[in-house]
Amino acid sequence: MLGKLIKYEFKATGRIFLPLFGALLIVAIVSRLFMTLRFQTPMIIGIVLSVIMIVAIFVITLIITLQRFYRNLLTNEGYLMFTLPVNTDSLIWSKLIVASIWNILSLVIVGVAISIMAISEFSLADVLQSFRELLITTGIGGGTLAAFIVEFIILMVTALLSGILMFYACMSVSLLTNKHRVLFSFAAYLVFSTIGQIITGIAAAVITKTNLPDIVMNYWELITQIHAGQLFTIAINIVTGVIFYILSRYMLKNKLNLE
């Protein structure tokens, strides 16, 4: 049933994202053509439109991520969703998986569009050479490079999932009130963010009181520091993501109070 929910979610959101992605790529290609032909005014217009569309994609992606969860599960539409023969976990995971994929695709499409417009403004060989020199400086290469890339990808994915789950948790706790749920969700976001900053500050203060920073800086190689930093961040993302998931699940299962 999870697969059917994901398919339905893609169908509902694809009609928004796919035309938007296509329009951005078309504008980027046309802008690149104007740059090549040295048409100044059309080129400037194309670049401005591209920037506006890039910003719009990020904003719309965020709005859709929030809207699909809130409207489908916390408003009157929830009466239909929660009468389906599926559990709460499937409902949350379907929203989370589809939202994550669209967020990743948004970054990819924006990256492709920027590359199209800047393709002749820099030398690919120079970029690769600079990247190679950076790897040599940090001691990253071979299997170490593969491990670094895998860790970085996992870090980015866990950060994305944790961030989305935080939004879900903020909206879920709004079930505690019958009015002004959007405002309540925003207040919850501020509270969660503040708590996170306080915990981070306390942890940093405790760590600085130990010899760990000196050990890391004086005895660990740079590549070891990078690996440790990435793995530690991944662990934090997983822990916070699990906490937000459990909170969202609890609220939806035990405090459901649809508008």
Protein backbone atom coordinates (compact mmCIF):
# COMPACT_ATOMS: atom_id res chain seq x y z
CA MET A 1 0.00 0.00 0.00
CA LEU A 2 2.95 2.30 0.61
CA GLY A 3 3.82 2.03 -3.07
CA LYS A 4 0.32 3.13 -4.07
CA LEU A 5 0.50 6.10 -1.71
CA ILE A 6 3.85 7.12 -3.18
CA LYS A 7 2.49 6.77 -6.71
CA TYR A 8 -0.51 8.93 -5.83
CA GLU A 9 1.74 11.52 -4.19
CA PHE A 10 4.00 11.71 -7.25
CA LYS A 11 0.99 12.07 -9.53
CA ALA A 12 -0.44 14.90 -7.42
CA THR A 13 2.82 16.83 -7.16
CA GLY A 14 4.35 16.00 -10.55
CA ARG A 15 1.85 18.18 -12.37
CA ILE A 16 3.41 21.13 -10.54
CA PHE A 17 7.10 20.27 -10.54
CA LEU A 18 7.60 18.80 -14.01
CA PRO A 19 6.33 21.88 -15.96
CA LEU A 20 8.34 24.11 -13.61
CA PHE A 21 11.53 22.12 -14.17
CA GLY A 22 10.95 22.06 -17.92
CA ALA A 23 10.37 25.82 -18.04
CA LEU A 24 13.60 26.50 -16.13
CA LEU A 25 15.66 24.32 -18.48
CA ILE A 26 14.11 25.97 -21.54
CA VAL A 27 14.83 29.45 -20.18
CA ALA A 28 18.41 28.40 -19.35
CA ILE A 29 18.97 27.04 -22.87
CA VAL A 30 17.52 30.18 -24.48
CA SER A 31 19.66 32.36 -22.19
CA ARG A 32 22.73 30.36 -23.19
CA LEU A 33 21.85 30.91 -26.86
CA PHE A 34 21.53 34.66 -26.33
CA MET A 35 24.90 34.67 -24.53
CA THR A 36 26.52 32.83 -27.43
CA LEU A 37 25.02 35.24 -29.98
CA ARG A 38 25.96 38.25 -27.81
CA PHE A 39 22.41 39.61 -27.69
CA GLN A 40 22.83 41.77 -24.62
CA THR A 41 19.27 42.79 -23.76
CA PRO A 42 17.66 39.35 -24.34
CA MET A 43 20.61 37.79 -22.49
CA ILE A 44 20.03 39.98 -19.42
CA ILE A 45 16.30 39.28 -19.50
CA GLY A 46 16.98 35.55 -19.77
CA ILE A 47 19.40 35.60 -16.83
CA VAL A 48 16.93 37.56 -14.69
CA LEU A 49 14.13 35.14 -15.56
CA SER A 50 16.39 32.19 -14.74
CA VAL A 51 17.26 33.63 -11.34
CA ILE A 52 13.59 34.31 -10.59
CA MET A 53 12.64 30.77 -11.61
CA ILE A 54 15.43 29.25 -9.53
CA VAL A 55 14.21 31.12 -6.47
CA ALA A 56 10.64 30.15 -7.32
CA ILE A 57 11.56 26.47 -7.54
CA PHE A 58 13.11 26.48 -4.08
CA VAL A 59 10.18 28.39 -2.59
CA ILE A 60 7.56 26.22 -4.29
CA THR A 61 9.39 23.05 -3.26
CA LEU A 62 9.26 24.16 0.38
CA ILE A 63 5.61 25.17 0.13
CA ILE A 64 4.57 21.90 -1.50
CA THR A 65 6.56 19.91 1.08
CA LEU A 66 4.64 21.61 3.89
CA GLN A 67 1.29 21.82 2.14
CA ARG A 68 1.03 18.15 1.17
CA PHE A 69 1.55 17.02 4.75
CA TYR A 70 -0.60 19.66 6.41
CA ARG A 71 -3.52 19.65 3.98
CA ASN A 72 -3.68 15.87 3.47
CA LEU A 73 -3.26 14.79 7.09
CA LEU A 74 -4.25 17.67 9.36
CA THR A 75 -7.30 19.19 7.65
CA ASN A 76 -10.61 17.82 6.41
CA GLU A 77 -8.77 15.79 3.77
CA GLY A 78 -7.41 13.75 6.65
CA TYR A 79 -10.82 12.13 7.08
CA LEU A 80 -10.24 10.39 3.76
CA MET A 81 -6.55 9.63 4.29
CA PHE A 82 -7.04 8.08 7.71
CA THR A 83 -9.93 5.91 6.55
CA LEU A 84 -7.66 4.19 4.03
CA PRO A 85 -6.49 0.68 4.99
CA VAL A 86 -2.97 1.91 5.76
CA ASN A 87 -1.13 2.66 8.98
CA THR A 88 0.20 6.01 10.13
CA ASP A 89 3.77 5.05 9.28
CA SER A 90 2.87 4.52 5.62
CA LEU A 91 1.19 7.93 5.45
CA ILE A 92 4.22 9.68 6.91
CA TRP A 93 6.74 7.74 4.82
CA SER A 94 4.88 8.37 1.57
CA LYS A 95 4.98 12.12 2.20
CA LEU A 96 8.59 12.02 3.35
CA ILE A 97 9.92 9.94 0.45
CA VAL A 98 8.20 11.95 -2.27
CA ALA A 99 9.08 15.31 -0.68
CA SER A 100 12.73 14.24 -0.36
CA ILE A 101 12.92 13.15 -4.00
CA TRP A 102 11.43 16.43 -5.25
CA ASN A 103 13.85 18.41 -3.06
CA ILE A 104 16.79 16.49 -4.49
CA LEU A 105 15.51 16.84 -8.06
CA SER A 106 15.07 20.57 -7.52
CA LEU A 107 18.75 20.89 -6.60
CA VAL A 108 19.78 18.75 -9.57
CA ILE A 109 17.66 20.70 -12.08
CA VAL A 110 18.89 24.04 -10.72
CA GLY A 111 22.48 22.77 -10.96
CA VAL A 112 21.92 21.66 -14.55
CA ALA A 113 20.35 25.02 -15.46
CA ILE A 114 23.25 26.96 -13.95
CA SER A 115 25.73 24.70 -15.74
CA ILE A 116 23.98 25.31 -19.06
CA MET A 117 24.20 29.08 -18.64
CA ALA A 118 27.81 29.03 -17.42
CA ILE A 119 29.13 26.25 -19.66
CA SER A 120 31.51 28.47 -21.61
CA GLU A 121 32.31 30.91 -18.83
CA PHE A 122 34.88 28.62 -17.22
CA SER A 123 37.17 25.81 -18.25
CA LEU A 124 36.16 22.35 -17.12
CA ALA A 125 39.82 21.36 -17.12
CA ASP A 126 40.63 24.21 -14.72
CA VAL A 127 37.82 23.15 -12.40
CA LEU A 128 39.00 19.52 -12.40
CA GLN A 129 42.57 20.64 -11.79
CA SER A 130 41.52 22.77 -8.83
CA PHE A 131 39.49 19.87 -7.45
CA ARG A 132 42.46 17.52 -7.89
CA GLU A 133 44.74 19.93 -6.03
CA LEU A 134 42.23 20.18 -3.19
CA LEU A 135 42.11 16.39 -2.89
CA ILE A 136 45.90 16.20 -2.80
CA THR A 137 46.03 18.86 -0.09
CA THR A 138 43.52 17.05 2.13
CA GLY A 139 44.98 13.62 1.44
CA ILE A 140 41.80 12.30 -0.12
CA GLY A 141 42.19 9.76 -2.89
CA GLY A 142 41.37 6.23 -4.00
CA GLY A 143 39.29 4.34 -1.47
CA THR A 144 39.39 7.35 0.83
CA LEU A 145 37.77 9.47 -1.86
CA ALA A 146 35.02 6.88 -2.37
CA ALA A 147 34.37 6.74 1.38
CA PHE A 148 34.32 10.53 1.56
CA ILE A 149 31.78 10.78 -1.28
CA VAL A 150 29.54 8.09 0.23
CA GLU A 151 29.67 9.74 3.65
CA PHE A 152 28.92 13.14 2.16
CA ILE A 153 25.91 11.81 0.23
CA ILE A 154 24.58 10.09 3.36
CA LEU A 155 25.14 13.29 5.33
CA MET A 156 23.16 15.35 2.83
CA VAL A 157 20.31 12.82 2.65
CA THR A 158 20.04 12.48 6.44
CA ALA A 159 20.13 16.26 6.81
CA LEU A 160 17.30 16.59 4.28
CA LEU A 161 15.19 13.89 5.93
CA SER A 162 15.77 15.33 9.39
CA GLY A 163 14.83 18.81 8.19
CA ILE A 164 11.60 17.64 6.57
CA LEU A 165 10.70 15.57 9.64
CA MET A 166 11.23 18.65 11.78
CA PHE A 167 8.64 20.50 9.70
CA TYR A 168 6.29 17.52 10.01
CA ALA A 169 6.72 17.49 13.79
CA CYS A 170 6.04 21.23 14.01
CA MET A 171 2.81 20.82 12.06
CA SER A 172 1.82 17.70 13.99
CA VAL A 173 2.05 19.36 17.40
CA SER A 174 -0.46 21.93 16.14
CA LEU A 175 -3.04 19.17 16.73
CA LEU A 176 -2.91 20.29 20.36
CA THR A 177 -4.92 23.36 19.41
CA ASN A 178 -8.10 23.92 17.41
CA LYS A 179 -7.29 27.43 16.19
CA HIS A 180 -4.41 29.22 14.49
CA ARG A 181 -2.61 25.98 13.67
CA VAL A 182 -0.32 27.57 11.11
CA LEU A 183 0.83 30.13 13.67
CA PHE A 184 1.19 27.38 16.26
CA SER A 185 3.33 25.37 13.83
CA PHE A 186 5.59 28.37 13.24
CA ALA A 187 5.92 28.87 17.01
CA ALA A 188 6.80 25.18 17.38
CA TYR A 189 9.50 25.60 14.75
CA LEU A 190 11.00 28.48 16.70
CA VAL A 191 10.87 26.43 19.91
CA PHE A 192 12.48 23.36 18.34
CA SER A 193 15.17 25.48 16.69
CA THR A 194 15.92 27.26 19.96
CA ILE A 195 16.11 23.98 21.87
CA GLY A 196 18.46 22.59 19.24
CA GLN A 197 20.72 25.64 19.49
CA ILE A 198 20.76 25.44 23.30
CA ILE A 199 21.67 21.74 23.25
CA THR A 200 24.37 22.38 20.64
CA GLY A 201 25.78 25.23 22.72
CA ILE A 202 25.85 23.15 25.89
CA ALA A 203 27.47 20.22 24.09
CA ALA A 204 30.11 22.51 22.57
CA ALA A 205 30.83 24.04 25.98
CA VAL A 206 31.22 20.61 27.58
CA ILE A 207 33.49 19.37 24.80
CA THR A 208 35.75 22.43 25.05
CA LYS A 209 36.26 21.65 28.74
CA THR A 210 37.85 18.35 27.78
CA ASN A 211 41.08 17.55 25.95
CA LEU A 212 39.21 16.27 22.88
CA PRO A 213 39.67 19.44 20.75
CA ASP A 214 43.44 19.44 21.39
CA ILE A 215 43.69 15.73 20.62
CA VAL A 216 41.78 16.13 17.38
CA MET A 217 43.75 19.14 16.18
CA ASN A 218 47.19 17.93 17.22
CA TYR A 219 47.11 14.17 16.73
CA TRP A 220 44.48 13.46 14.06
CA GLU A 221 45.24 13.81 10.38
CA LEU A 222 43.07 16.21 8.38
CA ILE A 223 41.34 13.37 6.53
CA THR A 224 40.56 11.67 9.85
CA GLN A 225 39.05 14.90 11.14
CA ILE A 226 36.89 15.16 8.02
CA HIS A 227 35.66 11.57 8.35
CA ALA A 228 34.92 12.02 12.05
CA GLY A 229 33.07 15.27 11.43
CA GLN A 230 30.91 13.77 8.71
CA LEU A 231 30.10 10.63 10.70
CA PHE A 232 29.27 12.68 13.79
CA THR A 233 26.97 14.94 11.79
CA ILE A 234 25.27 11.91 10.22
CA ALA A 235 24.65 10.49 13.69
CA ILE A 236 23.14 13.78 14.88
CA ASN A 237 20.89 13.94 11.82
CA ILE A 238 19.67 10.39 12.40
CA VAL A 239 18.96 10.96 16.09
CA THR A 240 17.07 14.21 15.51
CA GLY A 241 15.20 12.71 12.57
CA VAL A 242 14.07 9.73 14.67
CA ILE A 243 12.92 12.05 17.46
CA PHE A 244 10.87 14.19 15.06
CA TYR A 245 9.45 11.08 13.37
CA ILE A 246 8.36 9.57 16.68
CA LEU A 247 6.77 12.86 17.72
CA SER A 248 4.88 13.19 14.43
CA ARG A 249 3.72 9.58 14.58
CA TYR A 250 2.56 9.92 18.18
CA MET A 251 0.58 13.06 17.47
CA LEU A 252 -1.11 11.59 14.39
CA LYS A 253 -1.99 8.34 16.15
CA ASN A 254 -3.06 9.66 19.54
CA LYS A 255 -3.91 13.35 19.21
CA LEU A 256 -5.60 13.47 15.82
CA ASN A 257 -7.97 16.42 15.77
CA LEU A 258 -8.81 17.36 12.20
CA GLU A 259 -9.94 20.83 11.20
